[in-house]
Amino acid sequence: MTKNELIEKVAKKASLTKRASRDAVNSVFNLIKDSLVRGEKAVITGFGTFLIRSRTARRGRNPQTGETIQIPGRKLPGFSAGKTIKRLIK
């Protein structure tokens, strides 16, 4: 499902205009994004949790030269599905 499809479905389900639906969907995404930027997790009960995951620094290998390189650690966004979603997908 794309973002536009989500906006259309929200508009139909909630009897909203497409503009109001787009504003609502964008607001939810922006709130989740802002929470992650602050280093907090966003928990949506019954759906899942958006969180920041940390990768440690590690050694890698340049595939062209075979030279060993150091890959720096970094933070990445992640999603962990809730129990309800996991049960539905089984």
Protein backbone atom coordinates (compact mmCIF):
# COMPACT_ATOMS: atom_id res chain seq x y z
CA MET A 1 0.00 0.00 0.00
CA THR A 2 1.36 3.41 -0.94
CA LYS A 3 0.90 6.62 0.99
CA ASN A 4 -1.66 7.86 -1.56
CA GLU A 5 -3.65 4.64 -1.26
CA LEU A 6 -3.60 5.01 2.52
CA ILE A 7 -4.89 8.59 2.24
CA GLU A 8 -7.74 7.48 -0.04
CA LYS A 9 -8.74 4.63 2.27
CA VAL A 10 -8.68 6.87 5.35
CA ALA A 11 -10.85 9.40 3.49
CA LYS A 12 -13.43 6.73 2.67
CA LYS A 13 -13.44 5.05 6.11
CA ALA A 14 -13.65 8.29 8.08
CA SER A 15 -15.90 10.16 5.61
CA LEU A 16 -13.30 12.89 5.18
CA THR A 17 -12.26 14.92 2.21
CA LYS A 18 -9.05 13.83 0.55
CA ARG A 19 -7.33 17.00 1.79
CA ALA A 20 -8.39 16.40 5.41
CA SER A 21 -7.32 12.79 5.13
CA ARG A 22 -3.93 13.77 3.71
CA ASP A 23 -3.44 16.25 6.58
CA ALA A 24 -4.35 13.59 9.15
CA VAL A 25 -2.02 10.95 7.68
CA ASN A 26 0.84 13.43 7.34
CA SER A 27 0.31 14.60 10.93
CA VAL A 28 0.57 11.03 12.24
CA PHE A 29 3.74 10.37 10.24
CA ASN A 30 5.27 13.68 11.36
CA LEU A 31 4.50 12.95 15.02
CA ILE A 32 6.17 9.54 14.75
CA LYS A 33 9.15 11.08 12.96
CA ASP A 34 9.50 13.85 15.55
CA SER A 35 9.39 11.30 18.35
CA LEU A 36 12.20 9.29 16.75
CA VAL A 37 14.31 12.41 16.17
CA ARG A 38 14.06 13.17 19.90
CA GLY A 39 15.30 9.64 20.63
CA GLU A 40 11.94 8.44 21.96
CA LYS A 41 10.01 5.43 20.79
CA ALA A 42 6.48 5.69 19.41
CA VAL A 43 4.19 2.94 20.69
CA ILE A 44 0.90 2.34 18.87
CA THR A 45 -1.00 -0.20 20.94
CA GLY A 46 -2.32 -3.09 18.87
CA PHE A 47 -0.04 -2.22 15.94
CA GLY A 48 3.60 -1.92 16.91
CA THR A 49 6.49 0.20 18.08
CA PHE A 50 8.71 2.55 16.10
CA LEU A 51 12.14 2.89 17.72
CA ILE A 52 15.78 3.81 17.17
CA ARG A 53 18.24 0.94 16.84
CA SER A 54 21.98 1.36 17.21
CA ARG A 55 24.53 -0.46 15.08
CA THR A 56 27.98 -0.86 16.54
CA ALA A 57 31.12 -0.07 14.58
CA ARG A 58 32.44 -3.09 12.72
CA ARG A 59 35.04 -4.22 10.26
CA GLY A 60 34.13 -4.64 6.64
CA ARG A 61 35.82 -5.43 3.39
CA ASN A 62 35.94 -3.35 0.23
CA PRO A 63 34.60 -5.77 -2.44
CA GLN A 64 36.70 -4.21 -5.22
CA THR A 65 40.08 -4.21 -3.51
CA GLY A 66 39.62 -6.69 -0.67
CA GLU A 67 41.00 -4.05 1.70
CA THR A 68 39.74 -4.17 5.30
CA ILE A 69 37.88 -0.99 6.30
CA GLN A 70 36.27 0.25 9.50
CA ILE A 71 32.49 0.84 9.20
CA PRO A 72 31.35 3.42 11.77
CA GLY A 73 28.42 2.80 14.10
CA ARG A 74 25.12 4.54 13.42
CA LYS A 75 21.53 4.89 14.54
CA LEU A 76 18.70 3.55 12.37
CA PRO A 77 14.92 3.67 12.64
CA GLY A 78 13.24 0.36 13.29
CA PHE A 79 9.80 -1.14 13.69
CA SER A 80 8.71 -3.96 15.94
CA ALA A 81 5.28 -5.42 15.22
CA GLY A 82 2.86 -5.84 18.11
CA LYS A 83 1.32 -9.12 19.25
CA THR A 84 -1.98 -8.41 17.48
CA ILE A 85 -0.33 -7.90 14.09
CA LYS A 86 1.93 -10.93 14.56
CA ARG A 87 -1.10 -13.13 15.32
CA LEU A 88 -3.00 -11.88 12.25
CA ILE A 89 -0.09 -12.56 9.90
CA LYS A 90 0.53 -16.14 11.04
